[in-house]
Amino acid sequence: MNSYGSFPGARPRRLRTTPAMRRMVAETRLHPADLILPAFVREGITEPVPIQAMPGVVQHTRDTLRKAAAEALEAGVSGIMLFGVPEDEKKDGAGTAGTDPDGILQVAIRDVKAEVGDELVIMSDLCLDEYTDHGHCGVLDADGRVDNDATLERYAEMAQVQADAGVHVVGPSGMMDGQVGVVRDALDTIGKEDVSILAYTAKYSSAFYGPFREAVGSSLRGDRKTYQQDPANLRESMRELALDLEEGADMVMVKPAGPYLDVLAKVAESVDVPVAAYQISGEYAMVEAAAEKGWIDRDKAIFETLTGIRRAGAQMILTYWATEVAQKLSAARG
């Protein structure tokens, strides 16, 4: 007993009594505007190609990509992140299809821009891995190692052709030293000061990228451990964060999201720019696979993972469920 009545005096469960009560006191809320849809567009196909490791996700044709963008906009999603998948015979050591003004990604940017204009934020992956015959995110030197500074020259070209195509945001994702500064200079040089940079600040060398390799038709030989970050490290991410901000990043991102919520929380509490997180292919595939077997409740698991990412500090979440979740959120609000 105590002076305030029977033990226990503090009863937090009072705020969990009904769905209405729990909704009223919720500390973290998902909104369609928090979400960004990653989408793949493949050159030379006439029908969408299902990605076997990512049930429900496809490599789009140009026409179906436009429809997907319009659907995302209608659902209230804020942005779409585009990845190009060129024909295999167009891949080479320098990834030249990535800087061809008529390459698949640049064509897709123009298609989506024609479909949705400025109503949906159009983002583009700025990396060479989809376009190189060796599958690495940069050009290789004579010893077969990724040449950082030679790769930066290619990223500058990519930024300019993507900006010319009409993109709103570029996402340099190759984890080359100095990439944000070089891309910013390249954009400013051609008068594209309004194009933003979403820096892949903390991009870890992760086992969870597996399904993505299928999604982009990767030709990767070896691994990316010499440029993507070691999963063991947090302070290294904070150093990358400081460098990206110094070089002019407008937004920063942690990738993957779920296994790195501690990194995401640390980044979010340290900056005054928008913070994004990418719920990647392996995170998506795990939930879909377990749900297909009846081991978990699919919808509840999706919302729980996204709420956790949002709670950790992400203002924007790239997720393959973006349109579906946005539609459900809008329906729940009536």
C-alpha atoms as a PDB file:
ATOM      1  CA  MET A   1       0.000   0.000   0.000  1.00  0.00           C
ATOM      2  CA  ASN A   2       1.029   3.627  -0.487  1.00  0.00           C
ATOM      3  CA  SER A   3      -0.542   7.031   0.083  1.00  0.00           C
ATOM      4  CA  TYR A   4      -1.871   7.089  -3.473  1.00  0.00           C
ATOM      5  CA  GLY A   5      -3.839   3.849  -3.257  1.00  0.00           C
ATOM      6  CA  SER A   6      -3.168   0.181  -3.906  1.00  0.00           C
ATOM      7  CA  PHE A   7       0.109  -1.097  -5.309  1.00  0.00           C
ATOM      8  CA  PRO A   8       1.219  -0.514  -8.013  1.00  0.00           C
ATOM      9  CA  GLY A   9       0.562   3.188  -8.060  1.00  0.00           C
ATOM     10  CA  ALA A  10       1.885   3.646 -11.590  1.00  0.00           C
ATOM     11  CA  ARG A  11      -0.155   1.812 -14.207  1.00  0.00           C
ATOM     12  CA  PRO A  12       1.129   2.518 -17.724  1.00  0.00           C
ATOM     13  CA  ARG A  13      -1.338  -0.072 -19.053  1.00  0.00           C
ATOM     14  CA  ARG A  14      -4.088   2.530 -18.682  1.00  0.00           C
ATOM     15  CA  LEU A  15      -2.766   4.061 -21.899  1.00  0.00           C
ATOM     16  CA  ARG A  16      -3.038   0.735 -23.751  1.00  0.00           C
ATOM     17  CA  THR A  17      -6.622  -0.142 -22.932  1.00  0.00           C
ATOM     18  CA  THR A  18      -8.320   0.359 -26.326  1.00  0.00           C
ATOM     19  CA  PRO A  19      -7.313   0.823 -29.963  1.00  0.00           C
ATOM     20  CA  ALA A  20      -8.499   4.441 -29.764  1.00  0.00           C
ATOM     21  CA  MET A  21      -6.368   5.089 -26.677  1.00  0.00           C
ATOM     22  CA  ARG A  22      -3.297   3.483 -28.214  1.00  0.00           C
ATOM     23  CA  ARG A  23      -3.775   5.511 -31.388  1.00  0.00           C
ATOM     24  CA  MET A  24      -4.126   8.747 -29.435  1.00  0.00           C
ATOM     25  CA  VAL A  25      -0.905   8.316 -27.435  1.00  0.00           C
ATOM     26  CA  ALA A  26       1.221   6.788 -30.230  1.00  0.00           C
ATOM     27  CA  GLU A  27       4.644   8.426 -30.278  1.00  0.00           C
ATOM     28  CA  THR A  28       5.541   7.421 -33.829  1.00  0.00           C
ATOM     29  CA  ARG A  29       3.240   7.577 -36.823  1.00  0.00           C
ATOM     30  CA  LEU A  30       3.703   6.467 -40.403  1.00  0.00           C
ATOM     31  CA  HIS A  31       2.417   8.700 -43.173  1.00  0.00           C
ATOM     32  CA  PRO A  32       2.381   8.107 -46.933  1.00  0.00           C
ATOM     33  CA  ALA A  33       4.649  11.133 -47.362  1.00  0.00           C
ATOM     34  CA  ASP A  34       7.373   9.333 -45.382  1.00  0.00           C
ATOM     35  CA  LEU A  35       7.718   6.736 -48.126  1.00  0.00           C
ATOM     36  CA  ILE A  36       9.817   6.470 -51.287  1.00  0.00           C
ATOM     37  CA  LEU A  37       9.339   3.678 -53.838  1.00  0.00           C
ATOM     38  CA  PRO A  38      12.449   2.070 -55.355  1.00  0.00           C
ATOM     39  CA  ALA A  39      11.676   0.858 -58.887  1.00  0.00           C
ATOM     40  CA  PHE A  40      13.589  -1.037 -61.559  1.00  0.00           C
ATOM     41  CA  VAL A  41      13.200  -0.416 -65.286  1.00  0.00           C
ATOM     42  CA  ARG A  42      14.716  -2.885 -67.735  1.00  0.00           C
ATOM     43  CA  GLU A  43      15.734  -2.212 -71.279  1.00  0.00           C
ATOM     44  CA  GLY A  44      14.424  -4.367 -74.134  1.00  0.00           C
ATOM     45  CA  ILE A  45      11.408  -6.043 -72.503  1.00  0.00           C
ATOM     46  CA  THR A  46       7.747  -5.805 -73.497  1.00  0.00           C
ATOM     47  CA  GLU A  47       6.227  -7.197 -70.292  1.00  0.00           C
ATOM     48  CA  PRO A  48       7.240  -6.741 -66.658  1.00  0.00           C
ATOM     49  CA  VAL A  49       9.636  -9.431 -65.428  1.00  0.00           C
ATOM     50  CA  PRO A  50       8.932 -10.756 -61.909  1.00  0.00           C
ATOM     51  CA  ILE A  51      11.894 -10.784 -59.544  1.00  0.00           C
ATOM     52  CA  GLN A  52      11.818 -14.289 -58.100  1.00  0.00           C
ATOM     53  CA  ALA A  53      13.601 -13.391 -54.867  1.00  0.00           C
ATOM     54  CA  MET A  54      11.267 -10.424 -54.266  1.00  0.00           C
ATOM     55  CA  PRO A  55       7.664 -11.608 -54.667  1.00  0.00           C
ATOM     56  CA  GLY A  56       5.464  -8.778 -55.907  1.00  0.00           C
ATOM     57  CA  VAL A  57       8.356  -6.699 -57.294  1.00  0.00           C
ATOM     58  CA  VAL A  58       9.152  -6.565 -61.018  1.00  0.00           C
ATOM     59  CA  GLN A  59      11.575  -5.173 -63.528  1.00  0.00           C
ATOM     60  CA  HIS A  60       9.347  -2.671 -65.257  1.00  0.00           C
ATOM     61  CA  THR A  61       8.925  -1.822 -68.891  1.00  0.00           C
ATOM     62  CA  ARG A  62       8.927   1.879 -69.653  1.00  0.00           C
ATOM     63  CA  ASP A  63       5.122   1.862 -69.805  1.00  0.00           C
ATOM     64  CA  THR A  64       4.576  -0.028 -66.567  1.00  0.00           C
ATOM     65  CA  LEU A  65       7.095   2.207 -64.813  1.00  0.00           C
ATOM     66  CA  ARG A  66       5.015   5.225 -65.737  1.00  0.00           C
ATOM     67  CA  LYS A  67       1.934   3.506 -64.345  1.00  0.00           C
ATOM     68  CA  ALA A  68       3.774   2.597 -61.138  1.00  0.00           C
ATOM     69  CA  ALA A  69       4.860   6.212 -60.692  1.00  0.00           C
ATOM     70  CA  ALA A  70       1.315   7.460 -61.206  1.00  0.00           C
ATOM     71  CA  GLU A  71      -0.001   4.876 -58.736  1.00  0.00           C
ATOM     72  CA  ALA A  72       2.582   5.893 -56.138  1.00  0.00           C
ATOM     73  CA  LEU A  73       1.645   9.543 -56.577  1.00  0.00           C
ATOM     74  CA  GLU A  74      -2.046   8.754 -56.204  1.00  0.00           C
ATOM     75  CA  ALA A  75      -1.310   6.836 -52.983  1.00  0.00           C
ATOM     76  CA  GLY A  76       0.516   9.819 -51.489  1.00  0.00           C
ATOM     77  CA  VAL A  77       4.073   8.472 -51.731  1.00  0.00           C
ATOM     78  CA  SER A  78       6.616  11.297 -51.817  1.00  0.00           C
ATOM     79  CA  GLY A  79       9.230   9.947 -54.198  1.00  0.00           C
ATOM     80  CA  ILE A  80      10.409   7.235 -56.546  1.00  0.00           C
ATOM     81  CA  MET A  81      14.024   6.029 -56.745  1.00  0.00           C
ATOM     82  CA  LEU A  82      14.864   4.714 -60.218  1.00  0.00           C
ATOM     83  CA  PHE A  83      17.336   1.968 -61.091  1.00  0.00           C
ATOM     84  CA  GLY A  84      18.156   1.169 -64.711  1.00  0.00           C
ATOM     85  CA  VAL A  85      18.808  -2.327 -66.021  1.00  0.00           C
ATOM     86  CA  PRO A  86      20.527  -2.177 -69.426  1.00  0.00           C
ATOM     87  CA  GLU A  87      20.774  -4.968 -71.968  1.00  0.00           C
ATOM     88  CA  ASP A  88      23.751  -7.222 -71.207  1.00  0.00           C
ATOM     89  CA  GLU A  89      25.516  -6.433 -74.455  1.00  0.00           C
ATOM     90  CA  LYS A  90      25.640  -2.746 -73.490  1.00  0.00           C
ATOM     91  CA  LYS A  91      27.674  -3.389 -70.360  1.00  0.00           C
ATOM     92  CA  ASP A  92      31.385  -2.625 -70.496  1.00  0.00           C
ATOM     93  CA  GLY A  93      34.295  -1.886 -68.218  1.00  0.00           C
ATOM     94  CA  ALA A  94      33.499   1.818 -67.899  1.00  0.00           C
ATOM     95  CA  GLY A  95      29.720   1.497 -67.567  1.00  0.00           C
ATOM     96  CA  THR A  96      29.160   3.778 -70.549  1.00  0.00           C
ATOM     97  CA  ALA A  97      25.439   2.966 -70.737  1.00  0.00           C
ATOM     98  CA  GLY A  98      25.131   4.823 -67.447  1.00  0.00           C
ATOM     99  CA  THR A  99      26.258   8.095 -69.011  1.00  0.00           C
ATOM    100  CA  ASP A 100      24.560   7.687 -72.380  1.00  0.00           C
ATOM    101  CA  PRO A 101      21.857  10.385 -72.614  1.00  0.00           C
ATOM    102  CA  ASP A 102      19.691   7.716 -74.244  1.00  0.00           C
ATOM    103  CA  GLY A 103      20.602   5.025 -71.707  1.00  0.00           C
ATOM    104  CA  ILE A 104      17.747   3.251 -69.976  1.00  0.00           C
ATOM    105  CA  LEU A 105      17.914   5.226 -66.727  1.00  0.00           C
ATOM    106  CA  GLN A 106      17.955   8.604 -68.443  1.00  0.00           C
ATOM    107  CA  VAL A 107      15.060   7.539 -70.684  1.00  0.00           C
ATOM    108  CA  ALA A 108      13.145   6.346 -67.610  1.00  0.00           C
ATOM    109  CA  ILE A 109      13.710   9.645 -65.822  1.00  0.00           C
ATOM    110  CA  ARG A 110      12.250  11.506 -68.790  1.00  0.00           C
ATOM    111  CA  ASP A 111       9.311   9.073 -68.943  1.00  0.00           C
ATOM    112  CA  VAL A 112       8.448   9.497 -65.287  1.00  0.00           C
ATOM    113  CA  LYS A 113       8.917  13.269 -65.490  1.00  0.00           C
ATOM    114  CA  ALA A 114       6.462  13.361 -68.391  1.00  0.00           C
ATOM    115  CA  GLU A 115       3.987  11.288 -66.372  1.00  0.00           C
ATOM    116  CA  VAL A 116       4.075  13.021 -62.977  1.00  0.00           C
ATOM    117  CA  GLY A 117       6.006  16.255 -63.494  1.00  0.00           C
ATOM    118  CA  ASP A 118       7.115  17.778 -60.214  1.00  0.00           C
ATOM    119  CA  GLU A 119       4.310  16.228 -58.161  1.00  0.00           C
ATOM    120  CA  LEU A 120       6.438  13.194 -57.296  1.00  0.00           C
ATOM    121  CA  VAL A 121      10.100  13.574 -56.326  1.00  0.00           C
ATOM    122  CA  ILE A 122      12.089  11.721 -58.985  1.00  0.00           C
ATOM    123  CA  MET A 123      15.308  10.233 -57.654  1.00  0.00           C
ATOM    124  CA  SER A 124      17.978   8.303 -59.507  1.00  0.00           C
ATOM    125  CA  ASP A 125      20.614   5.823 -58.479  1.00  0.00           C
ATOM    126  CA  LEU A 126      23.982   7.323 -59.363  1.00  0.00           C
ATOM    127  CA  CYS A 127      26.273   4.316 -59.591  1.00  0.00           C
ATOM    128  CA  LEU A 128      28.014   2.240 -62.223  1.00  0.00           C
ATOM    129  CA  ASP A 129      27.312  -1.269 -60.961  1.00  0.00           C
ATOM    130  CA  GLU A 130      24.286  -1.878 -63.171  1.00  0.00           C
ATOM    131  CA  TYR A 131      26.266  -0.871 -66.264  1.00  0.00           C
ATOM    132  CA  THR A 132      29.695  -2.474 -65.830  1.00  0.00           C
ATOM    133  CA  ASP A 133      30.514  -5.925 -67.133  1.00  0.00           C
ATOM    134  CA  HIS A 134      32.380  -6.677 -63.896  1.00  0.00           C
ATOM    135  CA  GLY A 135      29.508  -5.479 -61.695  1.00  0.00           C
ATOM    136  CA  HIS A 136      31.522  -3.143 -59.507  1.00  0.00           C
ATOM    137  CA  CYS A 137      30.446   0.380 -58.597  1.00  0.00           C
ATOM    138  CA  GLY A 138      33.431   1.945 -60.316  1.00  0.00           C
ATOM    139  CA  VAL A 139      36.030   1.524 -62.997  1.00  0.00           C
ATOM    140  CA  LEU A 140      38.917  -0.852 -62.349  1.00  0.00           C
ATOM    141  CA  ASP A 141      42.630  -0.167 -62.450  1.00  0.00           C
ATOM    142  CA  ALA A 142      45.265  -2.409 -64.040  1.00  0.00           C
ATOM    143  CA  ASP A 143      45.297  -4.622 -60.943  1.00  0.00           C
ATOM    144  CA  GLY A 144      41.530  -5.107 -60.936  1.00  0.00           C
ATOM    145  CA  ARG A 145      40.882  -2.799 -57.989  1.00  0.00           C
ATOM    146  CA  VAL A 146      38.219  -0.107 -58.019  1.00  0.00           C
ATOM    147  CA  ASP A 147      39.940   3.160 -58.912  1.00  0.00           C
ATOM    148  CA  ASN A 148      38.393   5.787 -56.645  1.00  0.00           C
ATOM    149  CA  ASP A 149      39.376   8.962 -58.498  1.00  0.00           C
ATOM    150  CA  ALA A 150      38.771   7.610 -61.995  1.00  0.00           C
ATOM    151  CA  THR A 151      35.342   6.529 -60.800  1.00  0.00           C
ATOM    152  CA  LEU A 152      34.588  10.027 -59.536  1.00  0.00           C
ATOM    153  CA  GLU A 153      35.041  11.335 -63.070  1.00  0.00           C
ATOM    154  CA  ARG A 154      32.384   8.882 -64.253  1.00  0.00           C
ATOM    155  CA  TYR A 155      30.048   9.879 -61.418  1.00  0.00           C
ATOM    156  CA  ALA A 156      30.344  13.516 -62.461  1.00  0.00           C
ATOM    157  CA  GLU A 157      29.232  12.586 -65.970  1.00  0.00           C
ATOM    158  CA  MET A 158      26.379  10.480 -64.621  1.00  0.00           C
ATOM    159  CA  ALA A 159      25.140  13.318 -62.447  1.00  0.00           C
ATOM    160  CA  GLN A 160      25.040  15.669 -65.397  1.00  0.00           C
ATOM    161  CA  VAL A 161      23.142  13.357 -67.756  1.00  0.00           C
ATOM    162  CA  GLN A 162      20.649  12.457 -65.036  1.00  0.00           C
ATOM    163  CA  ALA A 163      20.112  16.123 -64.239  1.00  0.00           C
ATOM    164  CA  ASP A 164      19.669  16.927 -67.927  1.00  0.00           C
ATOM    165  CA  ALA A 165      17.007  14.204 -68.069  1.00  0.00           C
ATOM    166  CA  GLY A 166      15.027  16.002 -65.382  1.00  0.00           C
ATOM    167  CA  VAL A 167      15.791  14.220 -62.107  1.00  0.00           C
ATOM    168  CA  HIS A 168      15.097  16.072 -58.859  1.00  0.00           C
ATOM    169  CA  VAL A 169      17.499  14.132 -56.621  1.00  0.00           C
ATOM    170  CA  VAL A 170      20.599  12.081 -57.367  1.00  0.00           C
ATOM    171  CA  GLY A 171      21.725   9.330 -55.030  1.00  0.00           C
ATOM    172  CA  PRO A 172      25.449   8.599 -55.368  1.00  0.00           C
ATOM    173  CA  SER A 173      25.568   5.103 -53.903  1.00  0.00           C
ATOM    174  CA  GLY A 174      29.019   3.757 -54.769  1.00  0.00           C
ATOM    175  CA  MET A 175      30.757   4.793 -51.517  1.00  0.00           C
ATOM    176  CA  MET A 176      33.698   6.397 -53.279  1.00  0.00           C
ATOM    177  CA  ASP A 177      35.678   8.914 -51.235  1.00  0.00           C
ATOM    178  CA  GLY A 178      34.740  12.443 -52.299  1.00  0.00           C
ATOM    179  CA  GLN A 179      31.705  11.435 -54.349  1.00  0.00           C
ATOM    180  CA  VAL A 180      29.314  14.009 -52.897  1.00  0.00           C
ATOM    181  CA  GLY A 181      31.658  16.935 -53.519  1.00  0.00           C
ATOM    182  CA  VAL A 182      32.415  15.877 -57.075  1.00  0.00           C
ATOM    183  CA  VAL A 183      28.746  15.389 -57.890  1.00  0.00           C
ATOM    184  CA  ARG A 184      27.839  18.767 -56.380  1.00  0.00           C
ATOM    185  CA  ASP A 185      30.484  20.510 -58.473  1.00  0.00           C
ATOM    186  CA  ALA A 186      29.386  18.680 -61.609  1.00  0.00           C
ATOM    187  CA  LEU A 187      25.771  19.700 -61.130  1.00  0.00           C
ATOM    188  CA  ASP A 188      26.586  23.303 -60.333  1.00  0.00           C
ATOM    189  CA  THR A 189      28.875  23.551 -63.356  1.00  0.00           C
ATOM    190  CA  ILE A 190      25.952  22.957 -65.732  1.00  0.00           C
ATOM    191  CA  GLY A 191      23.540  25.200 -63.862  1.00  0.00           C
ATOM    192  CA  LYS A 192      21.695  22.420 -62.010  1.00  0.00           C
ATOM    193  CA  GLU A 193      22.023  23.966 -58.554  1.00  0.00           C
ATOM    194  CA  ASP A 194      18.460  22.922 -57.713  1.00  0.00           C
ATOM    195  CA  VAL A 195      19.154  19.204 -58.089  1.00  0.00           C
ATOM    196  CA  SER A 196      19.553  17.726 -54.600  1.00  0.00           C
ATOM    197  CA  ILE A 197      21.981  15.075 -53.405  1.00  0.00           C
ATOM    198  CA  LEU A 198      20.820  12.193 -51.241  1.00  0.00           C
ATOM    199  CA  ALA A 199      24.104  10.921 -49.851  1.00  0.00           C
ATOM    200  CA  TYR A 200      24.466   7.217 -49.228  1.00  0.00           C
ATOM    201  CA  THR A 201      26.367   8.122 -46.088  1.00  0.00           C
ATOM    202  CA  ALA A 202      26.392   4.771 -44.306  1.00  0.00           C
ATOM    203  CA  LYS A 203      26.122   1.990 -46.851  1.00  0.00           C
ATOM    204  CA  TYR A 204      27.232  -1.281 -45.355  1.00  0.00           C
ATOM    205  CA  SER A 205      28.611  -4.376 -47.073  1.00  0.00           C
ATOM    206  CA  SER A 206      25.576  -6.488 -46.277  1.00  0.00           C
ATOM    207  CA  ALA A 207      24.339 -10.022 -46.894  1.00  0.00           C
ATOM    208  CA  PHE A 208      20.866  -8.561 -47.237  1.00  0.00           C
ATOM    209  CA  TYR A 209      21.562  -7.183 -50.737  1.00  0.00           C
ATOM    210  CA  GLY A 210      21.215 -10.657 -52.236  1.00  0.00           C
ATOM    211  CA  PRO A 211      17.843 -10.294 -53.995  1.00  0.00           C
ATOM    212  CA  PHE A 212      18.890  -6.908 -55.396  1.00  0.00           C
ATOM    213  CA  ARG A 213      21.510  -8.643 -57.521  1.00  0.00           C
ATOM    214  CA  GLU A 214      18.711 -10.352 -59.422  1.00  0.00           C
ATOM    215  CA  ALA A 215      16.691  -7.152 -59.598  1.00  0.00           C
ATOM    216  CA  VAL A 216      19.416  -5.260 -61.452  1.00  0.00           C
ATOM    217  CA  GLY A 217      20.867  -8.205 -63.379  1.00  0.00           C
ATOM    218  CA  SER A 218      24.187  -7.795 -61.581  1.00  0.00           C
ATOM    219  CA  SER A 219      27.390  -9.032 -63.194  1.00  0.00           C
ATOM    220  CA  LEU A 220      29.351  -8.736 -59.957  1.00  0.00           C
ATOM    221  CA  ARG A 221      32.528 -10.743 -59.577  1.00  0.00           C
ATOM    222  CA  GLY A 222      34.024 -10.681 -56.098  1.00  0.00           C
ATOM    223  CA  ASP A 223      32.649  -8.412 -53.390  1.00  0.00           C
ATOM    224  CA  ARG A 224      32.442  -4.729 -52.462  1.00  0.00           C
ATOM    225  CA  LYS A 225      34.161  -4.800 -49.103  1.00  0.00           C
ATOM    226  CA  THR A 226      36.877  -2.342 -50.159  1.00  0.00           C
ATOM    227  CA  TYR A 227      34.353   0.456 -50.575  1.00  0.00           C
ATOM    228  CA  GLN A 228      31.157  -0.441 -48.732  1.00  0.00           C
ATOM    229  CA  GLN A 229      31.406  -0.203 -44.956  1.00  0.00           C
ATOM    230  CA  ASP A 230      32.264  -2.943 -42.491  1.00  0.00           C
ATOM    231  CA  PRO A 231      29.109  -3.972 -40.544  1.00  0.00           C
ATOM    232  CA  ALA A 232      31.188  -3.879 -37.340  1.00  0.00           C
ATOM    233  CA  ASN A 233      31.756  -0.123 -37.480  1.00  0.00           C
ATOM    234  CA  LEU A 234      29.737   2.835 -36.195  1.00  0.00           C
ATOM    235  CA  ARG A 235      32.321   5.579 -35.699  1.00  0.00           C
ATOM    236  CA  GLU A 236      33.326   5.147 -39.332  1.00  0.00           C
ATOM    237  CA  SER A 237      29.764   6.056 -40.334  1.00  0.00           C
ATOM    238  CA  MET A 238      29.942   9.242 -38.294  1.00  0.00           C
ATOM    239  CA  ARG A 239      33.149  10.178 -40.101  1.00  0.00           C
ATOM    240  CA  GLU A 240      31.476   9.519 -43.449  1.00  0.00           C
ATOM    241  CA  LEU A 241      28.549  11.656 -42.269  1.00  0.00           C
ATOM    242  CA  ALA A 242      30.783  14.610 -41.464  1.00  0.00           C
ATOM    243  CA  LEU A 243      32.513  14.359 -44.833  1.00  0.00           C
ATOM    244  CA  ASP A 244      29.245  14.139 -46.781  1.00  0.00           C
ATOM    245  CA  LEU A 245      27.812  17.185 -45.043  1.00  0.00           C
ATOM    246  CA  GLU A 246      31.030  19.130 -45.608  1.00  0.00           C
ATOM    247  CA  GLU A 247      30.887  18.242 -49.306  1.00  0.00           C
ATOM    248  CA  GLY A 248      27.319  19.501 -49.682  1.00  0.00           C
ATOM    249  CA  ALA A 249      24.904  16.633 -49.073  1.00  0.00           C
ATOM    250  CA  ASP A 250      21.306  17.841 -48.830  1.00  0.00           C
ATOM    251  CA  MET A 251      20.035  14.599 -47.280  1.00  0.00           C
ATOM    252  CA  VAL A 252      21.784  11.579 -45.808  1.00  0.00           C
ATOM    253  CA  MET A 253      20.909   7.900 -45.716  1.00  0.00           C
ATOM    254  CA  VAL A 254      21.623   4.691 -43.846  1.00  0.00           C
ATOM    255  CA  LYS A 255      21.454   1.431 -45.827  1.00  0.00           C
ATOM    256  CA  PRO A 256      20.355  -1.230 -44.928  1.00  0.00           C
ATOM    257  CA  ALA A 257      17.790  -0.030 -42.415  1.00  0.00           C
ATOM    258  CA  GLY A 258      16.683  -2.841 -40.103  1.00  0.00           C
ATOM    259  CA  PRO A 259      20.061  -4.308 -39.084  1.00  0.00           C
ATOM    260  CA  TYR A 260      21.497  -0.804 -38.542  1.00  0.00           C
ATOM    261  CA  LEU A 261      18.871   0.979 -36.453  1.00  0.00           C
ATOM    262  CA  ASP A 262      21.548   2.011 -33.964  1.00  0.00           C
ATOM    263  CA  VAL A 263      23.491   3.729 -36.745  1.00  0.00           C
ATOM    264  CA  LEU A 264      20.315   5.356 -38.014  1.00  0.00           C
ATOM    265  CA  ALA A 265      19.455   6.683 -34.549  1.00  0.00           C
ATOM    266  CA  LYS A 266      22.974   8.064 -34.061  1.00  0.00           C
ATOM    267  CA  VAL A 267      22.932   9.790 -37.451  1.00  0.00           C
ATOM    268  CA  ALA A 268      19.442  11.199 -36.897  1.00  0.00           C
ATOM    269  CA  GLU A 269      20.335  12.774 -33.571  1.00  0.00           C
ATOM    270  CA  SER A 270      23.522  14.298 -34.989  1.00  0.00           C
ATOM    271  CA  VAL A 271      22.302  16.260 -38.015  1.00  0.00           C
ATOM    272  CA  ASP A 272      19.927  19.006 -39.055  1.00  0.00           C
ATOM    273  CA  VAL A 273      19.328  17.698 -42.583  1.00  0.00           C
ATOM    274  CA  PRO A 274      16.665  15.141 -43.594  1.00  0.00           C
ATOM    275  CA  VAL A 275      17.584  11.531 -42.843  1.00  0.00           C
ATOM    276  CA  ALA A 276      16.543   8.566 -44.977  1.00  0.00           C
ATOM    277  CA  ALA A 277      16.839   4.816 -44.537  1.00  0.00           C
ATOM    278  CA  TYR A 278      16.606   2.116 -47.199  1.00  0.00           C
ATOM    279  CA  GLN A 279      14.701  -1.038 -46.277  1.00  0.00           C
ATOM    280  CA  ILE A 280      16.532  -3.225 -48.737  1.00  0.00           C
ATOM    281  CA  SER A 281      15.708  -6.268 -50.805  1.00  0.00           C
ATOM    282  CA  GLY A 282      16.742  -8.870 -48.248  1.00  0.00           C
ATOM    283  CA  GLU A 283      14.650  -7.228 -45.547  1.00  0.00           C
ATOM    284  CA  TYR A 284      11.676  -7.303 -47.904  1.00  0.00           C
ATOM    285  CA  ALA A 285      12.311 -10.884 -48.999  1.00  0.00           C
ATOM    286  CA  MET A 286      12.548 -12.226 -45.445  1.00  0.00           C
ATOM    287  CA  VAL A 287       9.128 -10.890 -44.493  1.00  0.00           C
ATOM    288  CA  GLU A 288       7.524 -12.053 -47.737  1.00  0.00           C
ATOM    289  CA  ALA A 289       9.043 -15.534 -47.471  1.00  0.00           C
ATOM    290  CA  ALA A 290       8.062 -16.030 -43.832  1.00  0.00           C
ATOM    291  CA  ALA A 291       4.568 -14.724 -44.507  1.00  0.00           C
ATOM    292  CA  GLU A 292       4.159 -17.025 -47.500  1.00  0.00           C
ATOM    293  CA  LYS A 293       4.882 -19.970 -45.205  1.00  0.00           C
ATOM    294  CA  GLY A 294       2.357 -18.715 -42.667  1.00  0.00           C
ATOM    295  CA  TRP A 295       5.008 -18.111 -40.022  1.00  0.00           C
ATOM    296  CA  ILE A 296       4.214 -14.425 -39.483  1.00  0.00           C
ATOM    297  CA  ASP A 297       1.364 -12.004 -40.134  1.00  0.00           C
ATOM    298  CA  ARG A 298       2.532 -10.207 -43.277  1.00  0.00           C
ATOM    299  CA  ASP A 299       0.782  -6.856 -42.836  1.00  0.00           C
ATOM    300  CA  LYS A 300       1.610  -6.554 -39.157  1.00  0.00           C
ATOM    301  CA  ALA A 301       5.250  -7.405 -39.812  1.00  0.00           C
ATOM    302  CA  ILE A 302       5.499  -4.825 -42.607  1.00  0.00           C
ATOM    303  CA  PHE A 303       4.079  -2.056 -40.447  1.00  0.00           C
ATOM    304  CA  GLU A 304       6.185  -3.060 -37.453  1.00  0.00           C
ATOM    305  CA  THR A 305       9.430  -2.947 -39.429  1.00  0.00           C
ATOM    306  CA  LEU A 306       8.580   0.425 -40.948  1.00  0.00           C
ATOM    307  CA  THR A 307       7.509   1.870 -37.609  1.00  0.00           C
ATOM    308  CA  GLY A 308      10.810   0.739 -36.099  1.00  0.00           C
ATOM    309  CA  ILE A 309      12.758   2.493 -38.850  1.00  0.00           C
ATOM    310  CA  ARG A 310      10.681   5.630 -38.417  1.00  0.00           C
ATOM    311  CA  ARG A 311      11.058   5.511 -34.620  1.00  0.00           C
ATOM    312  CA  ALA A 312      14.838   5.238 -34.962  1.00  0.00           C
ATOM    313  CA  GLY A 313      14.861   8.604 -36.715  1.00  0.00           C
ATOM    314  CA  ALA A 314      14.290   8.166 -40.444  1.00  0.00           C
ATOM    315  CA  GLN A 315      12.132  10.920 -41.913  1.00  0.00           C
ATOM    316  CA  MET A 316      12.074   9.129 -45.266  1.00  0.00           C
ATOM    317  CA  ILE A 317      11.982   5.380 -45.870  1.00  0.00           C
ATOM    318  CA  LEU A 318      12.786   3.712 -49.162  1.00  0.00           C
ATOM    319  CA  THR A 319      10.741   0.522 -49.212  1.00  0.00           C
ATOM    320  CA  TYR A 320       9.376  -1.782 -51.875  1.00  0.00           C
ATOM    321  CA  TRP A 321       6.074  -1.730 -49.989  1.00  0.00           C
ATOM    322  CA  ALA A 322       5.763   2.057 -50.340  1.00  0.00           C
ATOM    323  CA  THR A 323       2.674   2.217 -52.541  1.00  0.00           C
ATOM    324  CA  GLU A 324       0.872  -0.640 -50.800  1.00  0.00           C
ATOM    325  CA  VAL A 325       1.525   0.795 -47.345  1.00  0.00           C
ATOM    326  CA  ALA A 326       0.556   4.311 -48.428  1.00  0.00           C
ATOM    327  CA  GLN A 327      -2.730   2.995 -49.785  1.00  0.00           C
ATOM    328  CA  LYS A 328      -3.472   1.180 -46.530  1.00  0.00           C
ATOM    329  CA  LEU A 329      -2.574   4.197 -44.440  1.00  0.00           C
ATOM    330  CA  SER A 330      -4.865   6.398 -46.501  1.00  0.00           C
ATOM    331  CA  ALA A 331      -7.699   3.853 -46.258  1.00  0.00           C
ATOM    332  CA  ALA A 332      -7.286   3.651 -42.475  1.00  0.00           C
ATOM    333  CA  ARG A 333      -7.602   7.431 -42.204  1.00  0.00           C
ATOM    334  CA  GLY A 334     -10.793   7.269 -44.261  1.00  0.00           C
END
